[in-house]
Amino acid sequence: SAQLEKEVATLREKIHHLDDMLKSQQRKV
């Protein structure tokens, strides 16, 4: 459970980062 929570937290960070990148790319477009 602790390991899965860490993975979820890591995935949330990655998703947040990808969302930021996507928004940036959308702005550029």
PDB file of all heavy atoms in Angstrom:
ATOM      1  N   SER A   1       0.837  -1.202   0.000  1.00  0.00           N
ATOM      2  CA  SER A   1       0.000   0.000   0.000  1.00  0.00           C
ATOM      3  C   SER A   1       0.871   1.252   0.000  1.00  0.00           C
ATOM      4  O   SER A   1       0.613   2.195  -0.756  1.00  0.00           O
ATOM      5  CB  SER A   1      -0.925  -0.012   1.212  1.00  0.00           C
ATOM      6  OG  SER A   1      -1.663   1.164   1.278  1.00  0.00           O
ATOM      7  N   ALA A   2       1.908   1.260   0.828  1.00  0.00           N
ATOM      8  CA  ALA A   2       2.820   2.410   0.878  1.00  0.00           C
ATOM      9  C   ALA A   2       3.522   2.583  -0.473  1.00  0.00           C
ATOM     10  O   ALA A   2       3.661   3.710  -0.976  1.00  0.00           O
ATOM     11  CB  ALA A   2       3.838   2.242   1.996  1.00  0.00           C
ATOM     12  N   GLN A   3       3.938   1.456  -1.061  1.00  0.00           N
ATOM     13  CA  GLN A   3       4.606   1.512  -2.366  1.00  0.00           C
ATOM     14  C   GLN A   3       3.642   2.055  -3.430  1.00  0.00           C
ATOM     15  O   GLN A   3       4.022   2.901  -4.245  1.00  0.00           O
ATOM     16  CB  GLN A   3       5.087   0.107  -2.747  1.00  0.00           C
ATOM     17  CG  GLN A   3       5.828   0.051  -4.065  1.00  0.00           C
ATOM     18  CD  GLN A   3       6.219  -1.374  -4.437  1.00  0.00           C
ATOM     19  OE1 GLN A   3       5.866  -2.330  -3.747  1.00  0.00           O
ATOM     20  NE2 GLN A   3       6.955  -1.501  -5.523  1.00  0.00           N
ATOM     21  N   LEU A   4       2.407   1.567  -3.391  1.00  0.00           N
ATOM     22  CA  LEU A   4       1.417   2.055  -4.358  1.00  0.00           C
ATOM     23  C   LEU A   4       1.119   3.532  -4.162  1.00  0.00           C
ATOM     24  O   LEU A   4       0.938   4.284  -5.133  1.00  0.00           O
ATOM     25  CB  LEU A   4       0.123   1.235  -4.261  1.00  0.00           C
ATOM     26  CG  LEU A   4       0.207  -0.206  -4.785  1.00  0.00           C
ATOM     27  CD1 LEU A   4      -1.094  -0.943  -4.498  1.00  0.00           C
ATOM     28  CD2 LEU A   4       0.523  -0.219  -6.269  1.00  0.00           C
ATOM     29  N   GLU A   5       1.075   3.986  -2.913  1.00  0.00           N
ATOM     30  CA  GLU A   5       0.858   5.404  -2.641  1.00  0.00           C
ATOM     31  C   GLU A   5       1.998   6.242  -3.216  1.00  0.00           C
ATOM     32  O   GLU A   5       1.764   7.314  -3.797  1.00  0.00           O
ATOM     33  CB  GLU A   5       0.705   5.649  -1.143  1.00  0.00           C
ATOM     34  CG  GLU A   5      -0.630   5.211  -0.587  1.00  0.00           C
ATOM     35  CD  GLU A   5      -0.742   5.405   0.920  1.00  0.00           C
ATOM     36  OE1 GLU A   5       0.133   6.075   1.505  1.00  0.00           O
ATOM     37  OE2 GLU A   5      -1.706   4.887   1.503  1.00  0.00           O
ATOM     38  N   LYS A   6       3.230   5.735  -3.068  1.00  0.00           N
ATOM     39  CA  LYS A   6       4.375   6.449  -3.651  1.00  0.00           C
ATOM     40  C   LYS A   6       4.253   6.504  -5.169  1.00  0.00           C
ATOM     41  O   LYS A   6       4.508   7.540  -5.798  1.00  0.00           O
ATOM     42  CB  LYS A   6       5.687   5.771  -3.259  1.00  0.00           C
ATOM     43  CG  LYS A   6       6.081   5.994  -1.820  1.00  0.00           C
ATOM     44  CD  LYS A   6       7.378   5.262  -1.496  1.00  0.00           C
ATOM     45  CE  LYS A   6       7.739   5.400  -0.027  1.00  0.00           C
ATOM     46  NZ  LYS A   6       8.955   4.637   0.317  1.00  0.00           N
ATOM     47  N   GLU A   7       3.871   5.374  -5.781  1.00  0.00           N
ATOM     48  CA  GLU A   7       3.718   5.338  -7.233  1.00  0.00           C
ATOM     49  C   GLU A   7       2.620   6.309  -7.685  1.00  0.00           C
ATOM     50  O   GLU A   7       2.780   7.017  -8.677  1.00  0.00           O
ATOM     51  CB  GLU A   7       3.382   3.920  -7.703  1.00  0.00           C
ATOM     52  CG  GLU A   7       4.552   2.958  -7.653  1.00  0.00           C
ATOM     53  CD  GLU A   7       4.181   1.551  -8.113  1.00  0.00           C
ATOM     54  OE1 GLU A   7       3.157   1.384  -8.808  1.00  0.00           O
ATOM     55  OE2 GLU A   7       4.922   0.625  -7.773  1.00  0.00           O
ATOM     56  N   VAL A   8       1.516   6.332  -6.934  1.00  0.00           N
ATOM     57  CA  VAL A   8       0.419   7.238  -7.262  1.00  0.00           C
ATOM     58  C   VAL A   8       0.894   8.688  -7.173  1.00  0.00           C
ATOM     59  O   VAL A   8       0.598   9.515  -8.039  1.00  0.00           O
ATOM     60  CB  VAL A   8      -0.807   6.981  -6.346  1.00  0.00           C
ATOM     61  CG1 VAL A   8      -1.810   8.111  -6.441  1.00  0.00           C
ATOM     62  CG2 VAL A   8      -1.462   5.658  -6.703  1.00  0.00           C
ATOM     63  N   ALA A   9       1.653   9.000  -6.113  1.00  0.00           N
ATOM     64  CA  ALA A   9       2.166  10.361  -5.957  1.00  0.00           C
ATOM     65  C   ALA A   9       3.094  10.717  -7.125  1.00  0.00           C
ATOM     66  O   ALA A   9       3.016  11.819  -7.688  1.00  0.00           O
ATOM     67  CB  ALA A   9       2.897  10.504  -4.628  1.00  0.00           C
ATOM     68  N   THR A  10       3.955   9.773  -7.505  1.00  0.00           N
ATOM     69  CA  THR A  10       4.861  10.001  -8.634  1.00  0.00           C
ATOM     70  C   THR A  10       4.070  10.208  -9.920  1.00  0.00           C
ATOM     71  O   THR A  10       4.369  11.118 -10.706  1.00  0.00           O
ATOM     72  CB  THR A  10       5.818   8.800  -8.801  1.00  0.00           C
ATOM     73  OG1 THR A  10       6.538   8.610  -7.587  1.00  0.00           O
ATOM     74  CG2 THR A  10       6.799   9.020  -9.930  1.00  0.00           C
ATOM     75  N   LEU A  11       3.060   9.375 -10.122  1.00  0.00           N
ATOM     76  CA  LEU A  11       2.238   9.503 -11.325  1.00  0.00           C
ATOM     77  C   LEU A  11       1.475  10.827 -11.338  1.00  0.00           C
ATOM     78  O   LEU A  11       1.326  11.456 -12.390  1.00  0.00           O
ATOM     79  CB  LEU A  11       1.262   8.327 -11.438  1.00  0.00           C
ATOM     80  CG  LEU A  11       1.910   6.973 -11.750  1.00  0.00           C
ATOM     81  CD1 LEU A  11       0.876   5.866 -11.686  1.00  0.00           C
ATOM     82  CD2 LEU A  11       2.586   6.995 -13.112  1.00  0.00           C
ATOM     83  N   ARG A  12       1.007  11.265 -10.175  1.00  0.00           N
ATOM     84  CA  ARG A  12       0.321  12.558 -10.097  1.00  0.00           C
ATOM     85  C   ARG A  12       1.269  13.687 -10.490  1.00  0.00           C
ATOM     86  O   ARG A  12       0.883  14.623 -11.198  1.00  0.00           O
ATOM     87  CB  ARG A  12      -0.228  12.789  -8.690  1.00  0.00           C
ATOM     88  CG  ARG A  12      -1.518  12.058  -8.438  1.00  0.00           C
ATOM     89  CD  ARG A  12      -2.128  12.432  -7.111  1.00  0.00           C
ATOM     90  NE  ARG A  12      -3.350  11.670  -6.897  1.00  0.00           N
ATOM     91  CZ  ARG A  12      -3.728  11.185  -5.742  1.00  0.00           C
ATOM     92  NH1 ARG A  12      -2.988  11.376  -4.663  1.00  0.00           N
ATOM     93  NH2 ARG A  12      -4.846  10.504  -5.630  1.00  0.00           N
ATOM     94  N   GLU A  13       2.512  13.603 -10.000  1.00  0.00           N
ATOM     95  CA  GLU A  13       3.503  14.625 -10.373  1.00  0.00           C
ATOM     96  C   GLU A  13       3.743  14.620 -11.876  1.00  0.00           C
ATOM     97  O   GLU A  13       3.807  15.679 -12.507  1.00  0.00           O
ATOM     98  CB  GLU A  13       4.829  14.370  -9.647  1.00  0.00           C
ATOM     99  CG  GLU A  13       4.831  14.776  -8.187  1.00  0.00           C
ATOM    100  CD  GLU A  13       6.186  14.540  -7.545  1.00  0.00           C
ATOM    101  OE1 GLU A  13       7.221  14.772  -8.200  1.00  0.00           O
ATOM    102  OE2 GLU A  13       6.207  14.115  -6.381  1.00  0.00           O
ATOM    103  N   LYS A  14       3.880  13.413 -12.444  1.00  0.00           N
ATOM    104  CA  LYS A  14       4.107  13.306 -13.888  1.00  0.00           C
ATOM    105  C   LYS A  14       2.912  13.863 -14.657  1.00  0.00           C
ATOM    106  O   LYS A  14       3.082  14.587 -15.649  1.00  0.00           O
ATOM    107  CB  LYS A  14       4.352  11.855 -14.289  1.00  0.00           C
ATOM    108  CG  LYS A  14       5.707  11.334 -13.887  1.00  0.00           C
ATOM    109  CD  LYS A  14       5.912   9.910 -14.335  1.00  0.00           C
ATOM    110  CE  LYS A  14       7.267   9.384 -13.926  1.00  0.00           C
ATOM    111  NZ  LYS A  14       7.472   7.983 -14.337  1.00  0.00           N
ATOM    112  N   ILE A  15       1.714  13.548 -14.203  1.00  0.00           N
ATOM    113  CA  ILE A  15       0.509  14.049 -14.862  1.00  0.00           C
ATOM    114  C   ILE A  15       0.464  15.567 -14.775  1.00  0.00           C
ATOM    115  O   ILE A  15       0.153  16.250 -15.758  1.00  0.00           O
ATOM    116  CB  ILE A  15      -0.756  13.408 -14.250  1.00  0.00           C
ATOM    117  CG1 ILE A  15      -0.839  11.943 -14.660  1.00  0.00           C
ATOM    118  CG2 ILE A  15      -2.015  14.153 -14.667  1.00  0.00           C
ATOM    119  CD1 ILE A  15      -1.924  11.160 -13.934  1.00  0.00           C
ATOM    120  N   HIS A  16       0.781  16.098 -13.604  1.00  0.00           N
ATOM    121  CA  HIS A  16       0.794  17.549 -13.424  1.00  0.00           C
ATOM    122  C   HIS A  16       1.815  18.190 -14.364  1.00  0.00           C
ATOM    123  O   HIS A  16       1.537  19.202 -15.028  1.00  0.00           O
ATOM    124  CB  HIS A  16       1.112  17.890 -11.961  1.00  0.00           C
ATOM    125  CG  HIS A  16       1.109  19.350 -11.663  1.00  0.00           C
ATOM    126  ND1 HIS A  16      -0.044  20.105 -11.655  1.00  0.00           N
ATOM    127  CD2 HIS A  16       2.136  20.213 -11.394  1.00  0.00           C
ATOM    128  CE1 HIS A  16       0.271  21.360 -11.388  1.00  0.00           C
ATOM    129  NE2 HIS A  16       1.581  21.445 -11.237  1.00  0.00           N
ATOM    130  N   HIS A  17       2.994  17.572 -14.442  1.00  0.00           N
ATOM    131  CA  HIS A  17       4.048  18.078 -15.332  1.00  0.00           C
ATOM    132  C   HIS A  17       3.589  18.014 -16.789  1.00  0.00           C
ATOM    133  O   HIS A  17       3.779  18.975 -17.557  1.00  0.00           O
ATOM    134  CB  HIS A  17       5.318  17.255 -15.128  1.00  0.00           C
ATOM    135  CG  HIS A  17       6.470  17.686 -15.973  1.00  0.00           C
ATOM    136  ND1 HIS A  17       7.082  18.903 -15.829  1.00  0.00           N
ATOM    137  CD2 HIS A  17       7.104  17.061 -16.995  1.00  0.00           C
ATOM    138  CE1 HIS A  17       8.057  19.017 -16.730  1.00  0.00           C
ATOM    139  NE2 HIS A  17       8.076  17.908 -17.450  1.00  0.00           N
ATOM    140  N   LEU A  18       2.976  16.894 -17.170  1.00  0.00           N
ATOM    141  CA  LEU A  18       2.494  16.757 -18.546  1.00  0.00           C
ATOM    142  C   LEU A  18       1.370  17.753 -18.840  1.00  0.00           C
ATOM    143  O   LEU A  18       1.297  18.296 -19.940  1.00  0.00           O
ATOM    144  CB  LEU A  18       2.010  15.327 -18.798  1.00  0.00           C
ATOM    145  CG  LEU A  18       3.108  14.268 -18.890  1.00  0.00           C
ATOM    146  CD1 LEU A  18       2.503  12.883 -18.987  1.00  0.00           C
ATOM    147  CD2 LEU A  18       4.032  14.529 -20.056  1.00  0.00           C
ATOM    148  N   ASP A  19       0.502  17.992 -17.858  1.00  0.00           N
ATOM    149  CA  ASP A  19      -0.547  19.003 -18.033  1.00  0.00           C
ATOM    150  C   ASP A  19       0.064  20.373 -18.280  1.00  0.00           C
ATOM    151  O   ASP A  19      -0.383  21.119 -19.162  1.00  0.00           O
ATOM    152  CB  ASP A  19      -1.469  19.059 -16.800  1.00  0.00           C
ATOM    153  CG  ASP A  19      -2.469  17.923 -16.767  1.00  0.00           C
ATOM    154  OD1 ASP A  19      -2.671  17.275 -17.817  1.00  0.00           O
ATOM    155  OD2 ASP A  19      -3.047  17.683 -15.683  1.00  0.00           O
ATOM    156  N   ASP A  20       1.096  20.709 -17.497  1.00  0.00           N
ATOM    157  CA  ASP A  20       1.772  21.995 -17.685  1.00  0.00           C
ATOM    158  C   ASP A  20       2.381  22.089 -19.082  1.00  0.00           C
ATOM    159  O   ASP A  20       2.272  23.115 -19.758  1.00  0.00           O
ATOM    160  CB  ASP A  20       2.856  22.206 -16.627  1.00  0.00           C
ATOM    161  CG  ASP A  20       2.287  22.470 -15.245  1.00  0.00           C
ATOM    162  OD1 ASP A  20       1.073  22.772 -15.144  1.00  0.00           O
ATOM    163  OD2 ASP A  20       3.058  22.381 -14.263  1.00  0.00           O
ATOM    164  N   MET A  21       3.046  21.003 -19.493  1.00  0.00           N
ATOM    165  CA  MET A  21       3.661  20.985 -20.822  1.00  0.00           C
ATOM    166  C   MET A  21       2.592  21.107 -21.904  1.00  0.00           C
ATOM    167  O   MET A  21       2.772  21.835 -22.883  1.00  0.00           O
ATOM    168  CB  MET A  21       4.471  19.705 -21.025  1.00  0.00           C
ATOM    169  CG  MET A  21       5.760  19.671 -20.234  1.00  0.00           C
ATOM    170  SD  MET A  21       6.686  18.128 -20.401  1.00  0.00           S
ATOM    171  CE  MET A  21       6.869  17.960 -22.137  1.00  0.00           C
ATOM    172  N   LEU A  22       1.470  20.409 -21.717  1.00  0.00           N
ATOM    173  CA  LEU A  22       0.381  20.460 -22.688  1.00  0.00           C
ATOM    174  C   LEU A  22      -0.187  21.871 -22.785  1.00  0.00           C
ATOM    175  O   LEU A  22      -0.403  22.390 -23.885  1.00  0.00           O
ATOM    176  CB  LEU A  22      -0.718  19.469 -22.293  1.00  0.00           C
ATOM    177  CG  LEU A  22      -1.921  19.386 -23.213  1.00  0.00           C
ATOM    178  CD1 LEU A  22      -1.502  18.871 -24.583  1.00  0.00           C
ATOM    179  CD2 LEU A  22      -2.975  18.484 -22.616  1.00  0.00           C
ATOM    180  N   LYS A  23      -0.395  22.514 -21.637  1.00  0.00           N
ATOM    181  CA  LYS A  23      -0.904  23.887 -21.636  1.00  0.00           C
ATOM    182  C   LYS A  23       0.080  24.821 -22.333  1.00  0.00           C
ATOM    183  O   LYS A  23      -0.312  25.703 -23.099  1.00  0.00           O
ATOM    184  CB  LYS A  23      -1.176  24.357 -20.213  1.00  0.00           C
ATOM    185  CG  LYS A  23      -2.397  23.716 -19.594  1.00  0.00           C
ATOM    186  CD  LYS A  23      -2.579  24.126 -18.150  1.00  0.00           C
ATOM    187  CE  LYS A  23      -3.741  23.376 -17.515  1.00  0.00           C
ATOM    188  NZ  LYS A  23      -3.879  23.675 -16.088  1.00  0.00           N
ATOM    189  N   SER A  24       1.365  24.610 -22.065  1.00  0.00           N
ATOM    190  CA  SER A  24       2.387  25.436 -22.702  1.00  0.00           C
ATOM    191  C   SER A  24       2.359  25.244 -24.223  1.00  0.00           C
ATOM    192  O   SER A  24       2.410  26.222 -24.983  1.00  0.00           O
ATOM    193  CB  SER A  24       3.765  25.069 -22.145  1.00  0.00           C
ATOM    194  OG  SER A  24       4.782  25.721 -22.853  1.00  0.00           O
ATOM    195  N   GLN A  25       2.261  23.988 -24.654  1.00  0.00           N
ATOM    196  CA  GLN A  25       2.216  23.710 -26.086  1.00  0.00           C
ATOM    197  C   GLN A  25       0.947  24.301 -26.709  1.00  0.00           C
ATOM    198  O   GLN A  25       0.981  24.836 -27.813  1.00  0.00           O
ATOM    199  CB  GLN A  25       2.271  22.194 -26.352  1.00  0.00           C
ATOM    200  CG  GLN A  25       3.598  21.559 -26.010  1.00  0.00           C
ATOM    201  CD  GLN A  25       4.745  22.130 -26.810  1.00  0.00           C
ATOM    202  OE1 GLN A  25       4.604  22.461 -27.978  1.00  0.00           O
ATOM    203  NE2 GLN A  25       5.898  22.289 -26.180  1.00  0.00           N
ATOM    204  N   GLN A  26      -0.165  24.215 -25.990  1.00  0.00           N
ATOM    205  CA  GLN A  26      -1.406  24.797 -26.496  1.00  0.00           C
ATOM    206  C   GLN A  26      -1.271  26.311 -26.644  1.00  0.00           C
ATOM    207  O   GLN A  26      -1.729  26.892 -27.626  1.00  0.00           O
ATOM    208  CB  GLN A  26      -2.582  24.453 -25.575  1.00  0.00           C
ATOM    209  CG  GLN A  26      -3.015  22.999 -25.672  1.00  0.00           C
ATOM    210  CD  GLN A  26      -4.057  22.640 -24.635  1.00  0.00           C
ATOM    211  OE1 GLN A  26      -4.201  23.309 -23.613  1.00  0.00           O
ATOM    212  NE2 GLN A  26      -4.773  21.548 -24.885  1.00  0.00           N
ATOM    213  N   ARG A  27      -0.615  26.944 -25.652  1.00  0.00           N
ATOM    214  CA  ARG A  27      -0.379  28.390 -25.751  1.00  0.00           C
ATOM    215  C   ARG A  27       0.472  28.704 -26.977  1.00  0.00           C
ATOM    216  O   ARG A  27       0.188  29.642 -27.728  1.00  0.00           O
ATOM    217  CB  ARG A  27       0.311  28.910 -24.490  1.00  0.00           C
ATOM    218  CG  ARG A  27      -0.664  29.395 -23.440  1.00  0.00           C
ATOM    219  CD  ARG A  27       0.071  30.032 -22.267  1.00  0.00           C
ATOM    220  NE  ARG A  27      -0.065  29.123 -21.149  1.00  0.00           N
ATOM    221  CZ  ARG A  27       0.915  28.553 -20.458  1.00  0.00           C
ATOM    222  NH1 ARG A  27       2.148  28.869 -20.710  1.00  0.00           N
ATOM    223  NH2 ARG A  27       0.682  27.715 -19.493  1.00  0.00           N
ATOM    224  N   LYS A  28       1.532  27.910 -27.170  1.00  0.00           N
ATOM    225  CA  LYS A  28       2.406  28.134 -28.321  1.00  0.00           C
ATOM    226  C   LYS A  28       1.633  27.969 -29.626  1.00  0.00           C
ATOM    227  O   LYS A  28       1.806  28.754 -30.559  1.00  0.00           O
ATOM    228  CB  LYS A  28       3.594  27.167 -28.295  1.00  0.00           C
ATOM    229  CG  LYS A  28       4.628  27.503 -27.249  1.00  0.00           C
ATOM    230  CD  LYS A  28       5.772  26.510 -27.267  1.00  0.00           C
ATOM    231  CE  LYS A  28       6.784  26.807 -26.188  1.00  0.00           C
ATOM    232  NZ  LYS A  28       7.867  25.805 -26.159  1.00  0.00           N
ATOM    233  N   VAL A  29       0.790  26.933 -29.682  1.00  0.00           N
ATOM    234  CA  VAL A  29       0.006  26.702 -30.902  1.00  0.00           C
ATOM    235  C   VAL A  29      -0.948  27.876 -31.138  1.00  0.00           C
ATOM    236  O   VAL A  29      -1.084  28.364 -32.263  1.00  0.00           O
ATOM    237  CB  VAL A  29      -0.764  25.361 -30.807  1.00  0.00           C
ATOM    238  CG1 VAL A  29      -1.810  25.252 -31.900  1.00  0.00           C
ATOM    239  CG2 VAL A  29       0.193  24.189 -30.875  1.00  0.00           C
TER     240      VAL A  29
END
